[in-house]
N, C-alpha and C. Protein backbone atom coordinates (compact mmCIF):
# COMPACT_ATOMS: atom_id res chain seq x y z
N ALA A 1 0.78 -0.96 -0.03
CA ALA A 1 0.01 0.16 -0.06
C ALA A 1 0.89 1.26 0.07
N PHE A 2 1.93 1.65 0.59
CA PHE A 2 3.05 2.47 1.10
C PHE A 2 3.87 2.75 -0.45
N VAL A 3 3.77 1.50 -0.99
CA VAL A 3 4.62 1.85 -2.49
C VAL A 3 4.04 2.48 -3.34
N LYS A 4 2.45 2.13 -3.68
CA LYS A 4 1.26 2.52 -4.64
C LYS A 4 0.59 3.90 -4.31
N TYR A 5 1.02 4.24 -2.76
CA TYR A 5 -0.35 5.27 -2.50
C TYR A 5 0.24 6.68 -3.10
N ASP A 6 -0.52 7.17 -3.45
CA ASP A 6 -0.53 8.90 -4.08
C ASP A 6 -0.47 9.75 -2.89
N PHE A 7 0.70 9.73 -2.69
CA PHE A 7 1.34 10.90 -1.63
C PHE A 7 1.40 12.30 -2.20
N TYR A 8 1.37 12.75 -3.25
CA TYR A 8 1.30 13.88 -3.70
C TYR A 8 0.45 14.86 -3.01
N LYS A 9 -0.72 14.04 -3.48
CA LYS A 9 -2.19 15.08 -2.94
C LYS A 9 -2.22 15.57 -1.24
N THR A 10 -1.87 14.61 -0.64
CA THR A 10 -1.82 14.67 0.99
C THR A 10 -0.61 14.88 1.74
N TYR A 11 -0.07 13.56 1.59
CA TYR A 11 1.00 13.92 3.03
C TYR A 11 2.60 14.02 2.40
N ARG A 12 2.64 14.55 1.25
CA ARG A 12 3.80 14.75 0.57
C ARG A 12 4.91 15.45 1.41
N ARG A 13 4.65 16.31 2.16
CA ARG A 13 5.77 17.13 2.80
C ARG A 13 6.31 16.42 4.20
N TYR A 14 4.98 15.88 4.93
CA TYR A 14 5.17 15.27 6.29
C TYR A 14 6.03 14.21 5.90
N VAL A 15 5.80 13.33 5.40
CA VAL A 15 6.31 11.94 4.78
C VAL A 15 8.09 12.42 4.43
N GLN A 16 7.89 12.93 3.02
CA GLN A 16 9.29 13.40 3.01
C GLN A 16 10.21 13.83 3.94
N GLN A 17 9.52 14.70 4.81
CA GLN A 17 10.61 15.25 5.87
C GLN A 17 10.92 14.18 6.83
N LYS A 18 9.89 13.32 7.36
CA LYS A 18 10.43 12.22 8.07
C LYS A 18 11.21 11.05 7.61
N LEU A 19 11.25 10.73 5.97
CA LEU A 19 12.18 9.76 5.44
C LEU A 19 13.08 10.37 5.10
N ALA A 20 13.39 11.91 4.80
CA ALA A 20 14.63 12.51 4.83
C ALA A 20 15.44 12.15 5.94
N SER A 21 14.82 12.59 6.96
CA SER A 21 15.36 12.54 8.44
C SER A 21 15.98 10.92 8.54
N ALA A 22 15.14 10.21 8.09
CA ALA A 22 15.27 8.37 8.46
C ALA A 22 16.49 8.12 7.55
N VAL A 23 16.90 8.52 6.41
CA VAL A 23 17.76 8.49 5.43
C VAL A 23 19.00 8.72 6.01
N SER A 24 19.29 10.01 6.25
CA SER A 24 20.22 10.53 6.72
C SER A 24 20.77 10.39 8.04
N ASN A 25 19.93 10.05 8.76
CA ASN A 25 20.18 9.79 10.35
C ASN A 25 20.16 10.97 11.12
N ASP A 26 19.48 12.26 10.32
CA ASP A 26 19.65 13.33 10.93
C ASP A 26 18.37 14.18 11.26
N GLN A 27 18.27 14.85 12.18
CA GLN A 27 17.28 15.81 12.56
C GLN A 27 17.45 17.12 12.13
N THR A 28 16.76 17.41 11.00
CA THR A 28 17.02 18.82 10.42
C THR A 28 15.97 19.56 10.65
N ASP A 29 16.59 20.87 10.55
CA ASP A 29 15.40 21.97 10.71
C ASP A 29 15.00 22.72 9.56
N VAL A 30 15.77 22.14 8.42
CA VAL A 30 15.26 22.62 7.11
C VAL A 30 14.00 22.44 6.79
N VAL A 31 13.41 23.50 6.23
CA VAL A 31 11.86 23.35 6.05
C VAL A 31 12.02 22.73 4.35
N LEU A 32 11.20 21.78 4.20
CA LEU A 32 10.71 20.96 2.93
C LEU A 32 9.99 22.17 2.05
N GLU A 33 10.61 22.60 1.13
CA GLU A 33 9.73 23.57 0.35
C GLU A 33 9.46 23.23 -1.03
N SER A 34 9.83 22.40 -1.53
CA SER A 34 9.64 21.97 -2.78
C SER A 34 9.71 20.20 -3.10
N ILE A 35 8.68 19.62 -3.59
CA ILE A 35 8.89 18.37 -3.90
C ILE A 35 8.93 17.98 -5.44
N GLU A 36 9.98 17.53 -6.05
CA GLU A 36 9.85 17.22 -7.27
C GLU A 36 9.52 15.78 -7.81
N HIS A 37 8.92 15.73 -9.00
CA HIS A 37 8.54 14.59 -9.59
C HIS A 37 9.56 14.23 -10.30
N ILE A 38 10.19 12.94 -10.28
CA ILE A 38 11.58 12.65 -10.72
C ILE A 38 10.84 12.44 -12.41
N MET A 39 10.21 11.63 -12.24
CA MET A 39 9.46 11.12 -13.66
C MET A 39 8.37 12.50 -13.56
N PRO A 40 8.08 13.55 -14.38
CA PRO A 40 7.64 14.55 -14.54
C PRO A 40 5.78 14.37 -14.43
N GLN A 41 4.82 15.48 -13.98
CA GLN A 41 3.61 15.32 -14.06
C GLN A 41 3.19 15.21 -15.22
N SER A 42 3.70 16.10 -16.35
CA SER A 42 3.65 16.31 -17.75
C SER A 42 4.43 15.34 -18.48
N LEU A 43 4.21 14.36 -19.01
CA LEU A 43 5.04 13.14 -19.66
C LEU A 43 5.39 13.65 -21.37
N ARG A 44 6.11 14.02 -21.36
CA ARG A 44 6.81 14.07 -22.97
C ARG A 44 7.46 12.94 -23.41
N ALA A 45 6.76 12.34 -24.75
CA ALA A 45 7.17 10.99 -25.12
C ALA A 45 8.83 11.16 -25.48
N ASP A 46 9.11 12.38 -25.84
CA ASP A 46 10.76 12.49 -26.67
C ASP A 46 11.46 12.15 -25.17
N LYS A 47 11.10 12.69 -24.25
CA LYS A 47 12.19 12.76 -22.72
C LYS A 47 11.90 11.41 -22.07
N TRP A 48 10.80 10.77 -22.10
CA TRP A 48 10.49 9.52 -21.40
C TRP A 48 9.70 8.34 -22.39
N PRO A 49 10.43 8.04 -23.05
CA PRO A 49 9.98 7.18 -24.42
C PRO A 49 9.40 5.64 -23.72
N ASP A 50 10.05 5.59 -22.70
CA ASP A 50 9.94 3.77 -22.26
C ASP A 50 8.57 3.74 -21.25
N VAL A 51 7.90 4.87 -21.18
CA VAL A 51 6.89 4.98 -20.26
C VAL A 51 5.50 5.29 -20.54
N SER A 52 4.73 4.31 -20.53
CA SER A 52 3.31 4.40 -21.16
C SER A 52 2.69 5.18 -20.19
N VAL A 53 1.36 5.80 -20.91
CA VAL A 53 0.18 6.88 -20.11
C VAL A 53 -0.05 5.84 -19.19
N SER A 54 -0.26 4.81 -19.09
CA SER A 54 -1.02 4.22 -18.22
C SER A 54 -0.02 3.92 -17.06
N GLU A 55 1.29 3.52 -17.44
CA GLU A 55 2.17 3.52 -15.98
C GLU A 55 2.50 4.76 -15.61
N HIS A 56 2.51 5.93 -16.32
CA HIS A 56 2.91 7.19 -15.86
C HIS A 56 1.65 7.49 -14.66
N ALA A 57 0.36 7.24 -15.32
CA ALA A 57 -0.66 7.50 -14.13
C ALA A 57 -0.80 6.69 -13.32
N ALA A 58 -0.16 5.53 -13.19
CA ALA A 58 -0.27 4.78 -11.92
C ALA A 58 0.85 5.20 -10.96
N TRP A 59 2.26 5.69 -11.33
CA TRP A 59 3.32 5.65 -10.54
C TRP A 59 3.83 7.17 -10.52
N VAL A 60 3.58 8.41 -11.18
CA VAL A 60 3.83 9.51 -11.19
C VAL A 60 3.68 9.89 -9.30
N ASN A 61 2.88 9.92 -8.74
CA ASN A 61 2.29 10.49 -7.43
C ASN A 61 3.23 9.38 -6.39
N THR A 62 3.71 8.48 -6.76
CA THR A 62 3.95 7.61 -5.47
C THR A 62 5.37 8.05 -4.89
N ILE A 63 5.53 7.57 -3.72
CA ILE A 63 6.87 7.93 -3.18
C ILE A 63 7.80 7.35 -3.77
N GLY A 64 7.92 6.48 -4.40
CA GLY A 64 9.44 6.40 -4.99
C GLY A 64 9.85 7.31 -6.17
N ASN A 65 8.72 8.11 -6.88
CA ASN A 65 9.21 9.20 -7.75
C ASN A 65 9.01 10.22 -7.23
N LEU A 66 8.88 11.05 -6.03
CA LEU A 66 8.76 12.31 -5.36
C LEU A 66 10.25 12.27 -4.37
N THR A 67 10.77 13.34 -4.52
CA THR A 67 11.74 13.63 -3.69
C THR A 67 11.83 15.21 -3.13
N PRO A 68 12.39 15.39 -2.39
CA PRO A 68 12.65 16.96 -2.03
C PRO A 68 13.53 17.47 -2.87
N LEU A 69 13.28 18.70 -3.39
CA LEU A 69 14.25 19.56 -4.25
C LEU A 69 14.44 20.97 -3.69
N ASN A 70 15.77 21.69 -3.60
CA ASN A 70 15.83 22.91 -3.36
C ASN A 70 14.35 23.89 -4.06
N MET A 71 13.85 24.82 -3.75
CA MET A 71 12.86 25.40 -4.38
C MET A 71 13.49 26.38 -5.74
N ILE A 72 14.62 26.59 -5.68
CA ILE A 72 15.40 27.36 -6.66
C ILE A 72 15.70 26.47 -8.00
N ASP A 73 15.54 24.87 -7.88
CA ASP A 73 16.11 24.13 -8.70
C ASP A 73 14.58 23.27 -9.11
N ASN A 74 13.41 23.57 -8.63
CA ASN A 74 12.45 22.67 -9.13
C ASN A 74 11.79 23.31 -10.31
N PRO A 75 11.56 24.39 -10.65
CA PRO A 75 11.42 24.92 -12.26
C PRO A 75 12.39 24.54 -13.12
N ALA A 76 13.56 24.69 -12.93
CA ALA A 76 14.60 24.34 -13.86
C ALA A 76 14.80 22.93 -14.06
N ALA A 77 14.23 22.06 -13.16
CA ALA A 77 14.13 20.63 -13.72
C ALA A 77 12.82 20.04 -13.93
N SER A 78 11.92 20.88 -13.67
CA SER A 78 10.78 20.62 -14.33
C SER A 78 10.41 19.62 -14.91
N ASN A 79 9.91 19.79 -16.53
CA ASN A 79 9.42 18.55 -17.25
C ASN A 79 10.89 17.82 -18.08
N GLY A 80 11.85 17.99 -17.47
CA GLY A 80 13.45 17.43 -18.32
C GLY A 80 13.15 15.89 -18.08
N SER A 81 14.03 15.37 -18.74
CA SER A 81 14.47 13.96 -19.00
C SER A 81 15.38 13.67 -17.41
N PHE A 82 15.24 12.28 -17.11
CA PHE A 82 16.32 11.98 -16.04
C PHE A 82 17.60 12.50 -16.18
N GLU A 83 18.11 12.72 -17.36
CA GLU A 83 19.73 13.07 -17.65
C GLU A 83 19.53 14.78 -17.39
N ASP A 84 18.52 15.28 -17.96
CA ASP A 84 18.32 16.82 -17.58
C ASP A 84 18.05 17.31 -16.23
N LYS A 85 17.63 16.11 -15.26
CA LYS A 85 17.36 16.52 -13.88
C LYS A 85 18.75 16.18 -12.87
N LYS A 86 19.41 15.17 -13.36
CA LYS A 86 20.66 14.67 -12.88
C LYS A 86 21.35 15.96 -12.09
N PRO A 87 21.93 17.06 -12.53
CA PRO A 87 22.55 18.03 -12.06
C PRO A 87 21.87 18.69 -10.72
N TYR A 88 20.36 18.70 -10.86
CA TYR A 88 19.55 19.57 -9.90
C TYR A 88 19.60 18.46 -8.51
N LEU A 89 19.32 17.33 -8.98
CA LEU A 89 19.49 16.40 -8.30
C LEU A 89 20.77 15.93 -7.36
N SER A 90 21.52 16.06 -8.31
CA SER A 90 22.99 16.17 -7.42
C SER A 90 23.50 17.20 -6.38
N ALA A 91 22.82 18.43 -6.79
CA ALA A 91 23.03 19.37 -6.02
C ALA A 91 22.16 19.95 -4.72
N SER A 92 21.19 18.90 -4.77
CA SER A 92 20.16 19.00 -3.58
C SER A 92 20.58 19.37 -2.19
N ASP A 93 20.54 20.17 -1.37
CA ASP A 93 20.64 19.80 0.08
C ASP A 93 20.45 18.74 0.88
N TRP A 94 19.33 17.78 0.26
CA TRP A 94 18.73 16.64 0.80
C TRP A 94 19.43 15.55 0.36
N GLN A 95 20.12 14.53 1.33
CA GLN A 95 20.91 13.42 1.15
C GLN A 95 19.93 12.56 0.26
N ILE A 96 18.61 12.63 0.95
CA ILE A 96 17.47 11.39 0.11
C ILE A 96 17.39 11.60 -1.51
N THR A 97 17.67 12.94 -1.67
CA THR A 97 17.47 13.47 -3.05
C THR A 97 18.93 12.91 -3.75
N ARG A 98 20.07 13.65 -3.46
CA ARG A 98 21.31 13.03 -3.77
C ARG A 98 21.61 11.70 -4.09
N GLU A 99 21.03 10.85 -3.16
CA GLU A 99 21.44 9.42 -3.43
C GLU A 99 20.70 8.63 -4.31
N ILE A 100 19.64 9.47 -5.01
CA ILE A 100 19.17 8.94 -6.35
C ILE A 100 20.35 8.87 -7.64
N VAL A 101 21.07 9.86 -7.54
CA VAL A 101 22.25 9.96 -8.59
C VAL A 101 23.62 9.63 -8.27
N GLU A 102 23.79 9.69 -7.00
CA GLU A 102 25.24 9.14 -6.37
C GLU A 102 25.32 8.47 -5.34
N GLY A 103 26.35 7.47 -5.23
CA GLY A 103 26.73 6.62 -4.23
C GLY A 103 26.14 5.38 -4.88
N LYS A 104 26.21 4.24 -3.88
CA LYS A 104 25.83 2.90 -4.14
C LYS A 104 24.30 2.81 -4.30
N LYS A 105 23.45 3.78 -3.93
CA LYS A 105 22.14 3.56 -4.13
C LYS A 105 21.74 4.18 -5.64
N ALA A 106 22.50 4.77 -6.28
CA ALA A 106 22.49 5.38 -7.46
C ALA A 106 21.72 4.88 -8.58
N PHE A 107 20.74 5.55 -9.35
CA PHE A 107 20.53 4.92 -10.64
C PHE A 107 21.01 5.27 -11.69
N SER A 108 21.17 4.77 -12.80
CA SER A 108 21.94 5.13 -14.04
C SER A 108 20.72 5.74 -15.09
N SER A 109 19.29 5.36 -14.68
CA SER A 109 18.38 5.68 -15.64
C SER A 109 17.03 5.69 -14.69
N TRP A 110 16.04 6.37 -15.29
CA TRP A 110 14.60 6.22 -14.41
C TRP A 110 13.74 5.75 -15.19
N GLY A 111 12.72 4.92 -14.55
CA GLY A 111 11.89 4.39 -15.34
C GLY A 111 10.69 3.77 -13.87
N ILE A 112 9.79 2.94 -14.88
CA ILE A 112 8.84 2.56 -13.83
C ILE A 112 9.72 1.47 -12.62
N ASP A 113 10.68 0.62 -13.27
CA ASP A 113 11.41 -0.19 -12.27
C ASP A 113 12.15 0.58 -11.44
N SER A 114 12.76 1.52 -11.72
CA SER A 114 13.49 2.61 -10.49
C SER A 114 12.63 2.95 -9.67
N ILE A 115 11.35 3.55 -10.16
CA ILE A 115 10.33 4.11 -8.92
C ILE A 115 9.75 2.89 -8.09
N GLN A 116 9.79 1.95 -8.85
CA GLN A 116 9.51 0.57 -7.62
C GLN A 116 10.56 0.34 -6.93
N LYS A 117 11.63 0.60 -6.97
CA LYS A 117 13.00 -0.25 -6.26
C LYS A 117 13.11 0.95 -5.34
N ARG A 118 13.09 2.10 -5.55
CA ARG A 118 13.17 3.17 -4.80
C ARG A 118 12.00 3.19 -3.56
N ALA A 119 10.62 2.96 -4.27
CA ALA A 119 9.69 2.85 -3.12
C ALA A 119 9.79 1.89 -2.28
N GLN A 120 10.27 0.90 -2.52
CA GLN A 120 10.46 -0.43 -1.74
C GLN A 120 11.43 -0.03 -0.84
N TYR A 121 12.58 0.71 -1.19
CA TYR A 121 13.87 1.13 -0.33
C TYR A 121 13.04 1.98 0.47
N LEU A 122 12.32 2.98 0.39
CA LEU A 122 11.38 3.95 1.38
C LEU A 122 10.59 3.24 2.10
N ALA A 123 9.71 2.36 1.43
CA ALA A 123 8.81 1.88 2.46
C ALA A 123 9.76 0.97 3.49
N ASN A 124 11.01 0.20 3.10
CA ASN A 124 11.45 -0.06 4.49
C ASN A 124 11.94 1.02 5.43
N LYS A 125 12.48 2.11 4.97
CA LYS A 125 12.84 3.05 5.82
C LYS A 125 11.64 3.68 6.56
N ALA A 126 10.60 3.57 6.06
CA ALA A 126 9.25 4.09 6.57
C ALA A 126 8.96 3.27 7.95
N SER A 127 9.40 1.81 7.44
CA SER A 127 8.99 1.21 8.73
C SER A 127 9.55 1.17 10.08
N SER A 128 10.68 1.86 10.10
CA SER A 128 11.33 2.20 11.03
C SER A 128 11.17 3.42 11.83
N VAL A 129 10.42 4.39 10.79
CA VAL A 129 9.75 5.44 11.31
C VAL A 129 8.34 5.61 11.91
N TRP A 130 7.89 4.88 11.32
CA TRP A 130 6.50 4.41 11.64
C TRP A 130 6.15 3.04 12.29
N LYS A 131 5.77 2.52 13.36
CA LYS A 131 5.79 0.95 13.71
C LYS A 131 4.40 0.69 13.31
N ALA A 132 4.43 -0.31 13.07
CA ALA A 132 3.29 -1.31 12.72
C ALA A 132 2.01 -1.24 14.10
N PRO A 133 0.74 -1.35 13.78
CA PRO A 133 -0.05 -0.90 14.81
C PRO A 133 0.06 -2.18 15.69
N ALA A 134 0.13 -3.39 15.54
CA ALA A 134 0.39 -4.43 16.11
C ALA A 134 1.38 -4.21 17.54
N GLU A 135 2.46 -3.52 17.00
CA GLU A 135 3.62 -3.20 18.04
C GLU A 135 3.07 -1.91 18.81
N ARG A 136 2.59 -1.38 18.46
CA ARG A 136 1.80 -0.10 19.29
C ARG A 136 0.87 -0.72 20.59
N THR A 137 0.04 -1.68 19.77
CA THR A 137 -1.27 -2.40 20.62
C THR A 137 -0.52 -3.06 21.86
N ARG A 138 0.49 -3.73 21.39
CA ARG A 138 1.38 -4.80 22.45
C ARG A 138 2.08 -4.03 23.47
N ASP A 139 2.45 -2.60 23.30
CA ASP A 139 2.93 -1.74 24.09
C ASP A 139 1.83 -1.15 25.12
N ILE A 140 0.54 -0.87 24.48
CA ILE A 140 -0.33 -0.59 25.42
C ILE A 140 -0.95 -1.38 26.40
N GLU A 141 -1.05 -2.80 25.53
CA GLU A 141 -1.47 -3.82 26.62
C GLU A 141 -0.52 -4.07 27.74
N HIS A 142 0.62 -3.99 27.55
CA HIS A 142 1.82 -3.81 28.43
C HIS A 142 1.67 -2.89 29.70
N VAL A 143 1.26 -1.63 29.24
CA VAL A 143 0.89 -0.55 30.09
C VAL A 143 -0.12 -0.86 31.12
N GLN A 144 -1.38 -1.26 30.16
CA GLN A 144 -2.53 -1.49 30.88
C GLN A 144 -2.50 -2.57 31.96
N LYS A 145 -1.66 -3.73 31.47
CA LYS A 145 -1.49 -4.81 32.72
C LYS A 145 -0.81 -4.25 33.96
N GLY A 146 -0.03 -3.49 33.60
CA GLY A 146 1.10 -2.87 34.75
C GLY A 146 -0.11 -1.73 35.23
N ALA A 147 -0.90 -1.26 34.93
CA ALA A 147 -1.78 -0.30 35.53
C ALA A 147 -2.75 -0.97 36.38
N LYS A 148 -3.29 -2.25 35.78
CA LYS A 148 -4.15 -2.79 36.43
C LYS A 148 -3.39 -3.67 38.01
N LYS A 149 -2.17 -4.19 37.76
CA LYS A 149 -1.59 -4.71 38.83
C LYS A 149 -1.16 -3.66 40.11
N LEU A 150 -0.88 -2.58 39.46
CA LEU A 150 -0.77 -1.31 40.73
C LEU A 150 -2.26 -0.96 41.22
N THR A 151 -3.29 -0.92 40.47
CA THR A 151 -4.42 -0.77 41.09
C THR A 151 -4.61 -1.69 41.97
N GLN A 152 -4.46 -2.81 41.67
CA GLN A 152 -4.76 -4.12 42.92
C GLN A 152 -3.82 -4.00 43.79
N LYS A 153 -2.68 -3.35 43.89
CA LYS A 153 -2.06 -3.29 44.76
C LYS A 153 -2.32 -2.22 45.62
N TYR A 154 -3.09 -1.23 45.14
CA TYR A 154 -3.39 -0.01 46.09
C TYR A 154 -4.87 -0.31 46.89
N ILE A 155 -5.35 -1.28 46.24
CA ILE A 155 -6.92 -1.81 46.79
C ILE A 155 -6.31 -2.77 47.72
N ASP A 156 -5.45 -3.57 47.55
CA ASP A 156 -5.08 -4.62 48.61
C ASP A 156 -4.54 -3.81 49.72
N TRP A 157 -3.77 -2.89 49.69
CA TRP A 157 -2.98 -2.02 50.70
C TRP A 157 -4.06 -1.12 51.69
N PHE A 158 -5.05 -0.78 50.88
CA PHE A 158 -6.09 -0.07 51.78
C PHE A 158 -6.81 -0.74 52.35
N SER A 159 -7.26 -2.06 51.83
CA SER A 159 -8.16 -3.22 52.49
C SER A 159 -7.69 -3.59 53.98
N GLU A 160 -6.42 -3.64 53.73
CA GLU A 160 -5.37 -3.91 55.02
C GLU A 160 -5.25 -2.92 56.21
N LEU A 161 -5.77 -1.81 55.75
CA LEU A 161 -5.56 -1.02 56.47
C LEU A 161 -6.60 -0.69 57.70
N ASP A 162 -8.03 -1.41 57.14
CA ASP A 162 -8.99 -1.40 57.94
C ASP A 162 -9.52 0.09 58.56
N LEU A 163 -9.41 0.67 57.58
CA LEU A 163 -10.13 2.37 57.99
C LEU A 163 -11.81 2.24 57.91
N PRO A 164 -12.50 2.55 58.71
CA PRO A 164 -13.70 2.80 58.74
C PRO A 164 -14.55 3.33 57.60
N TYR A 165 -13.83 4.48 57.36
CA TYR A 165 -14.54 5.40 56.42
C TYR A 165 -14.21 5.27 54.72
N ILE A 166 -13.38 3.96 54.52
CA ILE A 166 -12.97 3.68 53.08
C ILE A 166 -13.62 2.24 53.02
N LYS A 167 -14.69 1.94 52.14
CA LYS A 167 -15.24 0.92 51.94
C LYS A 167 -14.87 0.15 50.41
N LEU A 168 -13.83 -0.85 50.40
CA LEU A 168 -13.68 -1.38 48.98
C LEU A 168 -14.60 -2.74 48.74
């Protein structure tokens, strides 16, 4: 679900900020100003020949295709090809963006496969940022059991006091 969800319309800044912090292991105060579509929203066949209209519609707004980009660079990168965008991605203030074109996680080309691979990588990062509900439920149950034991301890303690004005 995370890999295919349309993040652009709803939680794009919040999710990207959290993932950027998880990727860089850094808590940054830099405000996320701009989200770039690596494969652009407006697809030009001459710049993206290997992507069909239906694939574009299915993947353009997913987490694997979105990345923070410096506001000043976003209009320049706009509807260009992946090759056109590489210098802007490389110059980004955001590690999560730079690693698309640099280092061991770098992509040599960009298409649906790349989007899916990056989305899976980000989904794995997301699982360390947001814990599964089952884990939180177990934590809550643990706290509730502890509270019940503590409550019973106080009831037992008050019962032993034999105070006439407290009836349990």
